[in-house]
Amino acid sequence: MKAYSVLDVIVKDESWVPAYMESVGDIVSKHGGVYLANSTNYEFVEGSGNKEAARVIIEWPSVDAGKAFMSDPAYLPHLKARQAGTISNHFLIEGKA
């Protein structure tokens, strides 16, 4: 069953961004992931939040694939750099059967 990573990311220090953007797409692909959205161009249609946050959606073939990406040794240094340079929330959501 497909799964989705849904993130909101507020960048506080951009020093990590070039290496992240250069490398992480290949690691996402290795785990069967596909970026569906990565944008700061959106509208709030309900509720409120921080407008400076980027919204990211990644589709995975399964929850296990999303978890495998998050624990991939090749991704861990990029994860640590992103966490140090951002305020982020990441939800891994199981899709419908």
PDB file of N, CA and C in Angstrom:
ATOM      1  N   MET A   1       0.835  -1.170   0.000  1.00  0.00           N
ATOM      2  CA  MET A   1       0.000   0.000   0.000  1.00  0.00           C
ATOM      3  C   MET A   1       0.886   1.242   0.000  1.00  0.00           C
ATOM      4  N   LYS A   2       0.564   2.210  -0.846  1.00  0.00           N
ATOM      5  CA  LYS A   2       1.374   3.419  -0.930  1.00  0.00           C
ATOM      6  C   LYS A   2       1.330   4.203   0.371  1.00  0.00           C
ATOM      7  N   ALA A   3       2.362   5.024   0.541  1.00  0.00           N
ATOM      8  CA  ALA A   3       2.464   5.899   1.709  1.00  0.00           C
ATOM      9  C   ALA A   3       2.989   7.245   1.235  1.00  0.00           C
ATOM     10  N   TYR A   4       2.803   8.249   2.069  1.00  0.00           N
ATOM     11  CA  TYR A   4       3.172   9.612   1.693  1.00  0.00           C
ATOM     12  C   TYR A   4       3.903  10.293   2.833  1.00  0.00           C
ATOM     13  N   SER A   5       5.043  10.869   2.518  1.00  0.00           N
ATOM     14  CA  SER A   5       5.720  11.777   3.443  1.00  0.00           C
ATOM     15  C   SER A   5       5.165  13.166   3.165  1.00  0.00           C
ATOM     16  N   VAL A   6       4.698  13.813   4.213  1.00  0.00           N
ATOM     17  CA  VAL A   6       4.197  15.182   4.115  1.00  0.00           C
ATOM     18  C   VAL A   6       5.008  16.001   5.103  1.00  0.00           C
ATOM     19  N   LEU A   7       5.694  17.011   4.587  1.00  0.00           N
ATOM     20  CA  LEU A   7       6.579  17.818   5.431  1.00  0.00           C
ATOM     21  C   LEU A   7       6.250  19.293   5.305  1.00  0.00           C
ATOM     22  N   ASP A   8       6.450  20.011   6.410  1.00  0.00           N
ATOM     23  CA  ASP A   8       6.566  21.462   6.335  1.00  0.00           C
ATOM     24  C   ASP A   8       7.938  21.801   6.882  1.00  0.00           C
ATOM     25  N   VAL A   9       8.658  22.641   6.139  1.00  0.00           N
ATOM     26  CA  VAL A   9      10.066  22.907   6.420  1.00  0.00           C
ATOM     27  C   VAL A   9      10.303  24.414   6.408  1.00  0.00           C
ATOM     28  N   ILE A  10      10.722  24.943   7.538  1.00  0.00           N
ATOM     29  CA  ILE A  10      11.100  26.350   7.634  1.00  0.00           C
ATOM     30  C   ILE A  10      12.618  26.395   7.697  1.00  0.00           C
ATOM     31  N   VAL A  11      13.234  26.945   6.666  1.00  0.00           N
ATOM     32  CA  VAL A  11      14.695  26.995   6.584  1.00  0.00           C
ATOM     33  C   VAL A  11      15.203  28.163   7.425  1.00  0.00           C
ATOM     34  N   LYS A  12      16.094  27.859   8.357  1.00  0.00           N
ATOM     35  CA  LYS A  12      16.720  28.872   9.210  1.00  0.00           C
ATOM     36  C   LYS A  12      18.175  29.122   8.826  1.00  0.00           C
ATOM     37  N   ASP A  13      18.820  28.120   8.239  1.00  0.00           N
ATOM     38  CA  ASP A  13      20.215  28.209   7.797  1.00  0.00           C
ATOM     39  C   ASP A  13      20.305  27.441   6.481  1.00  0.00           C
ATOM     40  N   GLU A  14      20.628  28.117   5.396  1.00  0.00           N
ATOM     41  CA  GLU A  14      20.615  27.501   4.067  1.00  0.00           C
ATOM     42  C   GLU A  14      21.890  26.753   3.702  1.00  0.00           C
ATOM     43  N   SER A  15      22.857  26.671   4.580  1.00  0.00           N
ATOM     44  CA  SER A  15      24.145  26.066   4.225  1.00  0.00           C
ATOM     45  C   SER A  15      24.022  24.593   3.824  1.00  0.00           C
ATOM     46  N   TRP A  16      23.038  23.887   4.300  1.00  0.00           N
ATOM     47  CA  TRP A  16      22.848  22.466   4.013  1.00  0.00           C
ATOM     48  C   TRP A  16      22.154  22.222   2.667  1.00  0.00           C
ATOM     49  N   VAL A  17      21.474  23.238   2.133  1.00  0.00           N
ATOM     50  CA  VAL A  17      20.580  23.051   0.987  1.00  0.00           C
ATOM     51  C   VAL A  17      21.291  22.547  -0.275  1.00  0.00           C
ATOM     52  N   PRO A  18      22.416  23.127  -0.732  1.00  0.00           N
ATOM     53  CA  PRO A  18      23.018  22.649  -1.988  1.00  0.00           C
ATOM     54  C   PRO A  18      23.371  21.157  -1.974  1.00  0.00           C
ATOM     55  N   ALA A  19      24.030  20.684  -0.937  1.00  0.00           N
ATOM     56  CA  ALA A  19      24.399  19.261  -0.876  1.00  0.00           C
ATOM     57  C   ALA A  19      23.156  18.383  -0.783  1.00  0.00           C
ATOM     58  N   TYR A  20      22.157  18.831  -0.043  1.00  0.00           N
ATOM     59  CA  TYR A  20      20.907  18.083   0.104  1.00  0.00           C
ATOM     60  C   TYR A  20      20.224  17.937  -1.254  1.00  0.00           C
ATOM     61  N   MET A  21      20.064  19.045  -1.963  1.00  0.00           N
ATOM     62  CA  MET A  21      19.372  19.024  -3.248  1.00  0.00           C
ATOM     63  C   MET A  21      20.133  18.201  -4.289  1.00  0.00           C
ATOM     64  N   GLU A  22      21.450  18.198  -4.201  1.00  0.00           N
ATOM     65  CA  GLU A  22      22.267  17.449  -5.154  1.00  0.00           C
ATOM     66  C   GLU A  22      22.171  15.945  -4.931  1.00  0.00           C
ATOM     67  N   SER A  23      22.028  15.509  -3.691  1.00  0.00           N
ATOM     68  CA  SER A  23      22.160  14.090  -3.367  1.00  0.00           C
ATOM     69  C   SER A  23      20.870  13.366  -3.018  1.00  0.00           C
ATOM     70  N   VAL A  24      19.939  14.044  -2.388  1.00  0.00           N
ATOM     71  CA  VAL A  24      18.813  13.340  -1.773  1.00  0.00           C
ATOM     72  C   VAL A  24      17.816  12.791  -2.790  1.00  0.00           C
ATOM     73  N   GLY A  25      17.656  13.438  -3.932  1.00  0.00           N
ATOM     74  CA  GLY A  25      16.736  12.917  -4.948  1.00  0.00           C
ATOM     75  C   GLY A  25      17.075  11.495  -5.360  1.00  0.00           C
ATOM     76  N   ASP A  26      18.356  11.201  -5.508  1.00  0.00           N
ATOM     77  CA  ASP A  26      18.778   9.846  -5.874  1.00  0.00           C
ATOM     78  C   ASP A  26      18.482   8.847  -4.756  1.00  0.00           C
ATOM     79  N   ILE A  27      18.615   9.280  -3.514  1.00  0.00           N
ATOM     80  CA  ILE A  27      18.337   8.384  -2.384  1.00  0.00           C
ATOM     81  C   ILE A  27      16.837   8.130  -2.282  1.00  0.00           C
ATOM     82  N   VAL A  28      16.031   9.164  -2.502  1.00  0.00           N
ATOM     83  CA  VAL A  28      14.574   8.996  -2.537  1.00  0.00           C
ATOM     84  C   VAL A  28      14.210   7.976  -3.616  1.00  0.00           C
ATOM     85  N   SER A  29      14.758   8.139  -4.814  1.00  0.00           N
ATOM     86  CA  SER A  29      14.471   7.225  -5.931  1.00  0.00           C
ATOM     87  C   SER A  29      14.890   5.795  -5.621  1.00  0.00           C
ATOM     88  N   LYS A  30      16.024   5.637  -4.961  1.00  0.00           N
ATOM     89  CA  LYS A  30      16.526   4.308  -4.589  1.00  0.00           C
ATOM     90  C   LYS A  30      15.494   3.535  -3.770  1.00  0.00           C
ATOM     91  N   HIS A  31      14.683   4.247  -2.996  1.00  0.00           N
ATOM     92  CA  HIS A  31      13.665   3.616  -2.148  1.00  0.00           C
ATOM     93  C   HIS A  31      12.276   3.654  -2.786  1.00  0.00           C
ATOM     94  N   GLY A  32      12.236   3.985  -4.078  1.00  0.00           N
ATOM     95  CA  GLY A  32      10.971   3.985  -4.805  1.00  0.00           C
ATOM     96  C   GLY A  32      10.144   5.238  -4.612  1.00  0.00           C
ATOM     97  N   GLY A  33      10.731   6.262  -4.007  1.00  0.00           N
ATOM     98  CA  GLY A  33       9.997   7.498  -3.746  1.00  0.00           C
ATOM     99  C   GLY A  33       9.944   8.412  -4.953  1.00  0.00           C
ATOM    100  N   VAL A  34       8.874   9.208  -5.006  1.00  0.00           N
ATOM    101  CA  VAL A  34       8.671  10.186  -6.072  1.00  0.00           C
ATOM    102  C   VAL A  34       8.189  11.482  -5.424  1.00  0.00           C
ATOM    103  N   TYR A  35       8.882  12.580  -5.728  1.00  0.00           N
ATOM    104  CA  TYR A  35       8.428  13.884  -5.240  1.00  0.00           C
ATOM    105  C   TYR A  35       7.154  14.270  -5.984  1.00  0.00           C
ATOM    106  N   LEU A  36       6.083  14.534  -5.244  1.00  0.00           N
ATOM    107  CA  LEU A  36       4.840  15.012  -5.837  1.00  0.00           C
ATOM    108  C   LEU A  36       4.728  16.525  -5.729  1.00  0.00           C
ATOM    109  N   ALA A  37       5.325  17.093  -4.688  1.00  0.00           N
ATOM    110  CA  ALA A  37       5.302  18.550  -4.504  1.00  0.00           C
ATOM    111  C   ALA A  37       6.481  18.955  -3.642  1.00  0.00           C
ATOM    112  N   ASN A  38       7.020  20.136  -3.951  1.00  0.00           N
ATOM    113  CA  ASN A  38       8.078  20.751  -3.149  1.00  0.00           C
ATOM    114  C   ASN A  38       8.011  22.236  -3.469  1.00  0.00           C
ATOM    115  N   SER A  39       7.268  22.994  -2.643  1.00  0.00           N
ATOM    116  CA  SER A  39       6.959  24.356  -3.045  1.00  0.00           C
ATOM    117  C   SER A  39       6.684  25.264  -1.851  1.00  0.00           C
ATOM    118  N   THR A  40       6.931  26.545  -2.065  1.00  0.00           N
ATOM    119  CA  THR A  40       6.485  27.578  -1.125  1.00  0.00           C
ATOM    120  C   THR A  40       5.296  28.332  -1.714  1.00  0.00           C
ATOM    121  N   ASN A  41       4.787  27.862  -2.849  1.00  0.00           N
ATOM    122  CA  ASN A  41       3.655  28.496  -3.514  1.00  0.00           C
ATOM    123  C   ASN A  41       2.384  27.705  -3.197  1.00  0.00           C
ATOM    124  N   TYR A  42       1.650  28.119  -2.184  1.00  0.00           N
ATOM    125  CA  TYR A  42       0.425  27.441  -1.770  1.00  0.00           C
ATOM    126  C   TYR A  42      -0.469  28.440  -1.056  1.00  0.00           C
ATOM    127  N   GLU A  43      -1.708  28.043  -0.856  1.00  0.00           N
ATOM    128  CA  GLU A  43      -2.677  28.863  -0.139  1.00  0.00           C
ATOM    129  C   GLU A  43      -3.236  28.071   1.031  1.00  0.00           C
ATOM    130  N   PHE A  44      -3.489  28.749   2.124  1.00  0.00           N
ATOM    131  CA  PHE A  44      -4.221  28.131   3.223  1.00  0.00           C
ATOM    132  C   PHE A  44      -5.700  28.171   2.866  1.00  0.00           C
ATOM    133  N   VAL A  45      -6.345  27.026   2.828  1.00  0.00           N
ATOM    134  CA  VAL A  45      -7.780  26.981   2.576  1.00  0.00           C
ATOM    135  C   VAL A  45      -8.552  26.669   3.853  1.00  0.00           C
ATOM    136  N   GLU A  46      -7.823  26.266   4.880  1.00  0.00           N
ATOM    137  CA  GLU A  46      -8.418  26.027   6.188  1.00  0.00           C
ATOM    138  C   GLU A  46      -7.312  26.093   7.221  1.00  0.00           C
ATOM    139  N   GLY A  47      -7.617  26.642   8.377  1.00  0.00           N
ATOM    140  CA  GLY A  47      -6.636  26.725   9.447  1.00  0.00           C
ATOM    141  C   GLY A  47      -5.590  27.781   9.170  1.00  0.00           C
ATOM    142  N   SER A  48      -4.492  27.654   9.888  1.00  0.00           N
ATOM    143  CA  SER A  48      -3.401  28.608   9.730  1.00  0.00           C
ATOM    144  C   SER A  48      -2.090  27.862   9.906  1.00  0.00           C
ATOM    145  N   GLY A  49      -1.041  28.523   9.602  1.00  0.00           N
ATOM    146  CA  GLY A  49       0.279  27.930   9.722  1.00  0.00           C
ATOM    147  C   GLY A  49       1.308  28.973   9.383  1.00  0.00           C
ATOM    148  N   ASN A  50       2.521  28.544   9.219  1.00  0.00           N
ATOM    149  CA  ASN A  50       3.600  29.470   8.923  1.00  0.00           C
ATOM    150  C   ASN A  50       3.787  29.564   7.416  1.00  0.00           C
ATOM    151  N   LYS A  51       3.542  30.741   6.849  1.00  0.00           N
ATOM    152  CA  LYS A  51       3.610  30.928   5.401  1.00  0.00           C
ATOM    153  C   LYS A  51       5.032  30.786   4.859  1.00  0.00           C
ATOM    154  N   GLU A  52       6.044  30.942   5.701  1.00  0.00           N
ATOM    155  CA  GLU A  52       7.412  30.815   5.193  1.00  0.00           C
ATOM    156  C   GLU A  52       7.839  29.362   5.002  1.00  0.00           C
ATOM    157  N   ALA A  53       7.040  28.411   5.425  1.00  0.00           N
ATOM    158  CA  ALA A  53       7.403  26.998   5.314  1.00  0.00           C
ATOM    159  C   ALA A  53       7.225  26.489   3.892  1.00  0.00           C
ATOM    160  N   ALA A  54       8.179  25.674   3.446  1.00  0.00           N
ATOM    161  CA  ALA A  54       8.005  24.915   2.208  1.00  0.00           C
ATOM    162  C   ALA A  54       7.155  23.694   2.542  1.00  0.00           C
ATOM    163  N   ARG A  55       6.341  23.277   1.614  1.00  0.00           N
ATOM    164  CA  ARG A  55       5.527  22.071   1.776  1.00  0.00           C
ATOM    165  C   ARG A  55       6.064  21.034   0.798  1.00  0.00           C
ATOM    166  N   VAL A  56       6.291  19.831   1.304  1.00  0.00           N
ATOM    167  CA  VAL A  56       6.888  18.756   0.504  1.00  0.00           C
ATOM    168  C   VAL A  56       6.015  17.514   0.637  1.00  0.00           C
ATOM    169  N   ILE A  57       5.740  16.862  -0.486  1.00  0.00           N
ATOM    170  CA  ILE A  57       5.012  15.593  -0.481  1.00  0.00           C
ATOM    171  C   ILE A  57       5.810  14.602  -1.320  1.00  0.00           C
ATOM    172  N   ILE A  58       6.100  13.440  -0.721  1.00  0.00           N
ATOM    173  CA  ILE A  58       6.811  12.362  -1.411  1.00  0.00           C
ATOM    174  C   ILE A  58       5.931  11.121  -1.346  1.00  0.00           C
ATOM    175  N   GLU A  59       5.736  10.469  -2.486  1.00  0.00           N
ATOM    176  CA  GLU A  59       4.988   9.216  -2.528  1.00  0.00           C
ATOM    177  C   GLU A  59       5.966   8.049  -2.430  1.00  0.00           C
ATOM    178  N   TRP A  60       5.648   7.086  -1.571  1.00  0.00           N
ATOM    179  CA  TRP A  60       6.454   5.877  -1.387  1.00  0.00           C
ATOM    180  C   TRP A  60       5.633   4.657  -1.786  1.00  0.00           C
ATOM    181  N   PRO A  61       6.289   3.571  -2.180  1.00  0.00           N
ATOM    182  CA  PRO A  61       5.538   2.353  -2.476  1.00  0.00           C
ATOM    183  C   PRO A  61       4.907   1.728  -1.230  1.00  0.00           C
ATOM    184  N   SER A  62       5.436   2.074  -0.040  1.00  0.00           N
ATOM    185  CA  SER A  62       4.914   1.522   1.216  1.00  0.00           C
ATOM    186  C   SER A  62       5.452   2.350   2.383  1.00  0.00           C
ATOM    187  N   VAL A  63       4.852   2.156   3.545  1.00  0.00           N
ATOM    188  CA  VAL A  63       5.371   2.788   4.762  1.00  0.00           C
ATOM    189  C   VAL A  63       6.795   2.309   5.012  1.00  0.00           C
ATOM    190  N   ASP A  64       7.030   1.014   4.810  1.00  0.00           N
ATOM    191  CA  ASP A  64       8.374   0.472   5.038  1.00  0.00           C
ATOM    192  C   ASP A  64       9.414   1.140   4.145  1.00  0.00           C
ATOM    193  N   ALA A  65       9.053   1.465   2.903  1.00  0.00           N
ATOM    194  CA  ALA A  65       9.988   2.147   2.001  1.00  0.00           C
ATOM    195  C   ALA A  65      10.321   3.538   2.531  1.00  0.00           C
ATOM    196  N   GLY A  66       9.318   4.256   3.036  1.00  0.00           N
ATOM    197  CA  GLY A  66       9.565   5.575   3.623  1.00  0.00           C
ATOM    198  C   GLY A  66      10.465   5.491   4.837  1.00  0.00           C
ATOM    199  N   LYS A  67      10.239   4.486   5.668  1.00  0.00           N
ATOM    200  CA  LYS A  67      11.086   4.292   6.852  1.00  0.00           C
ATOM    201  C   LYS A  67      12.503   3.886   6.453  1.00  0.00           C
ATOM    202  N   ALA A  68      12.622   3.056   5.420  1.00  0.00           N
ATOM    203  CA  ALA A  68      13.951   2.640   4.955  1.00  0.00           C
ATOM    204  C   ALA A  68      14.739   3.843   4.446  1.00  0.00           C
ATOM    205  N   PHE A  69      14.065   4.757   3.739  1.00  0.00           N
ATOM    206  CA  PHE A  69      14.724   5.986   3.298  1.00  0.00           C
ATOM    207  C   PHE A  69      15.236   6.768   4.497  1.00  0.00           C
ATOM    208  N   MET A  70      14.393   6.951   5.498  1.00  0.00           N
ATOM    209  CA  MET A  70      14.769   7.754   6.664  1.00  0.00           C
ATOM    210  C   MET A  70      15.958   7.163   7.420  1.00  0.00           C
ATOM    211  N   SER A  71      16.124   5.851   7.360  1.00  0.00           N
ATOM    212  CA  SER A  71      17.225   5.213   8.092  1.00  0.00           C
ATOM    213  C   SER A  71      18.395   4.820   7.189  1.00  0.00           C
ATOM    214  N   ASP A  72      18.339   5.178   5.915  1.00  0.00           N
ATOM    215  CA  ASP A  72      19.417   4.852   4.976  1.00  0.00           C
ATOM    216  C   ASP A  72      20.693   5.579   5.406  1.00  0.00           C
ATOM    217  N   PRO A  73      21.804   4.855   5.595  1.00  0.00           N
ATOM    218  CA  PRO A  73      23.053   5.501   6.002  1.00  0.00           C
ATOM    219  C   PRO A  73      23.496   6.622   5.054  1.00  0.00           C
ATOM    220  N   ALA A  74      23.148   6.518   3.770  1.00  0.00           N
ATOM    221  CA  ALA A  74      23.506   7.577   2.825  1.00  0.00           C
ATOM    222  C   ALA A  74      22.700   8.851   3.080  1.00  0.00           C
ATOM    223  N   TYR A  75      21.498   8.705   3.662  1.00  0.00           N
ATOM    224  CA  TYR A  75      20.648   9.866   3.925  1.00  0.00           C
ATOM    225  C   TYR A  75      20.936  10.506   5.281  1.00  0.00           C
ATOM    226  N   LEU A  76      21.405   9.744   6.240  1.00  0.00           N
ATOM    227  CA  LEU A  76      21.534  10.244   7.616  1.00  0.00           C
ATOM    228  C   LEU A  76      22.318  11.547   7.750  1.00  0.00           C
ATOM    229  N   PRO A  77      23.457  11.748   7.059  1.00  0.00           N
ATOM    230  CA  PRO A  77      24.131  13.043   7.206  1.00  0.00           C
ATOM    231  C   PRO A  77      23.297  14.202   6.661  1.00  0.00           C
ATOM    232  N   HIS A  78      22.527  13.941   5.602  1.00  0.00           N
ATOM    233  CA  HIS A  78      21.659  14.981   5.038  1.00  0.00           C
ATOM    234  C   HIS A  78      20.487  15.268   5.980  1.00  0.00           C
ATOM    235  N   LEU A  79      19.955  14.222   6.594  1.00  0.00           N
ATOM    236  CA  LEU A  79      18.882  14.389   7.571  1.00  0.00           C
ATOM    237  C   LEU A  79      19.349  15.244   8.739  1.00  0.00           C
ATOM    238  N   LYS A  80      20.522  14.928   9.266  1.00  0.00           N
ATOM    239  CA  LYS A  80      21.056  15.696  10.398  1.00  0.00           C
ATOM    240  C   LYS A  80      21.282  17.155  10.017  1.00  0.00           C
ATOM    241  N   ALA A  81      21.793  17.387   8.809  1.00  0.00           N
ATOM    242  CA  ALA A  81      22.024  18.760   8.347  1.00  0.00           C
ATOM    243  C   ALA A  81      20.702  19.502   8.187  1.00  0.00           C
ATOM    244  N   ARG A  82      19.685  18.830   7.614  1.00  0.00           N
ATOM    245  CA  ARG A  82      18.376  19.465   7.456  1.00  0.00           C
ATOM    246  C   ARG A  82      17.770  19.782   8.811  1.00  0.00           C
ATOM    247  N   GLN A  83      17.848  18.842   9.730  1.00  0.00           N
ATOM    248  CA  GLN A  83      17.283  19.074  11.058  1.00  0.00           C
ATOM    249  C   GLN A  83      17.981  20.223  11.776  1.00  0.00           C
ATOM    250  N   ALA A  84      19.286  20.348  11.590  1.00  0.00           N
ATOM    251  CA  ALA A  84      20.034  21.428  12.236  1.00  0.00           C
ATOM    252  C   ALA A  84      19.716  22.789  11.621  1.00  0.00           C
ATOM    253  N   GLY A  85      19.362  22.817  10.333  1.00  0.00           N
ATOM    254  CA  GLY A  85      19.150  24.083   9.639  1.00  0.00           C
ATOM    255  C   GLY A  85      17.701  24.466   9.423  1.00  0.00           C
ATOM    256  N   THR A  86      16.775  23.691  10.013  1.00  0.00           N
ATOM    257  CA  THR A  86      15.357  23.964   9.786  1.00  0.00           C
ATOM    258  C   THR A  86      14.539  23.741  11.050  1.00  0.00           C
ATOM    259  N   ILE A  87      13.320  24.193  10.966  1.00  0.00           N
ATOM    260  CA  ILE A  87      12.256  23.744  11.863  1.00  0.00           C
ATOM    261  C   ILE A  87      11.339  22.933  10.956  1.00  0.00           C
ATOM    262  N   SER A  88      11.200  21.645  11.228  1.00  0.00           N
ATOM    263  CA  SER A  88      10.476  20.759  10.310  1.00  0.00           C
ATOM    264  C   SER A  88       9.482  19.880  11.047  1.00  0.00           C
ATOM    265  N   ASN A  89       8.439  19.515  10.331  1.00  0.00           N
ATOM    266  CA  ASN A  89       7.510  18.468  10.755  1.00  0.00           C
ATOM    267  C   ASN A  89       7.410  17.495   9.594  1.00  0.00           C
ATOM    268  N   HIS A  90       7.461  16.204   9.901  1.00  0.00           N
ATOM    269  CA  HIS A  90       7.414  15.169   8.862  1.00  0.00           C
ATOM    270  C   HIS A  90       6.414  14.117   9.312  1.00  0.00           C
ATOM    271  N   PHE A  91       5.410  13.913   8.472  1.00  0.00           N
ATOM    272  CA  PHE A  91       4.396  12.900   8.731  1.00  0.00           C
ATOM    273  C   PHE A  91       4.527  11.827   7.664  1.00  0.00           C
ATOM    274  N   LEU A  92       4.523  10.560   8.067  1.00  0.00           N
ATOM    275  CA  LEU A  92       4.511   9.439   7.125  1.00  0.00           C
ATOM    276  C   LEU A  92       3.112   8.839   7.210  1.00  0.00           C
ATOM    277  N   ILE A  93       2.352   8.980   6.131  1.00  0.00           N
ATOM    278  CA  ILE A  93       0.931   8.652   6.133  1.00  0.00           C
ATOM    279  C   ILE A  93       0.680   7.461   5.222  1.00  0.00           C
ATOM    280  N   GLU A  94       0.007   6.445   5.760  1.00  0.00           N
ATOM    281  CA  GLU A  94      -0.352   5.286   4.953  1.00  0.00           C
ATOM    282  C   GLU A  94      -1.523   5.643   4.043  1.00  0.00           C
ATOM    283  N   GLY A  95      -1.407   5.281   2.755  1.00  0.00           N
ATOM    284  CA  GLY A  95      -2.479   5.542   1.800  1.00  0.00           C
ATOM    285  C   GLY A  95      -3.591   4.513   1.922  1.00  0.00           C
ATOM    286  N   LYS A  96      -4.614   4.713   1.127  1.00  0.00           N
ATOM    287  CA  LYS A  96      -5.739   3.779   1.107  1.00  0.00           C
ATOM    288  C   LYS A  96      -5.405   2.571   0.247  1.00  0.00           C
ATOM    289  N   ALA A  97      -5.975   1.447   0.602  1.00  0.00           N
ATOM    290  CA  ALA A  97      -5.762   0.204  -0.159  1.00  0.00           C
ATOM    291  C   ALA A  97      -6.442   0.278  -1.503  1.00  0.00           C
TER     292      ALA A  97
END
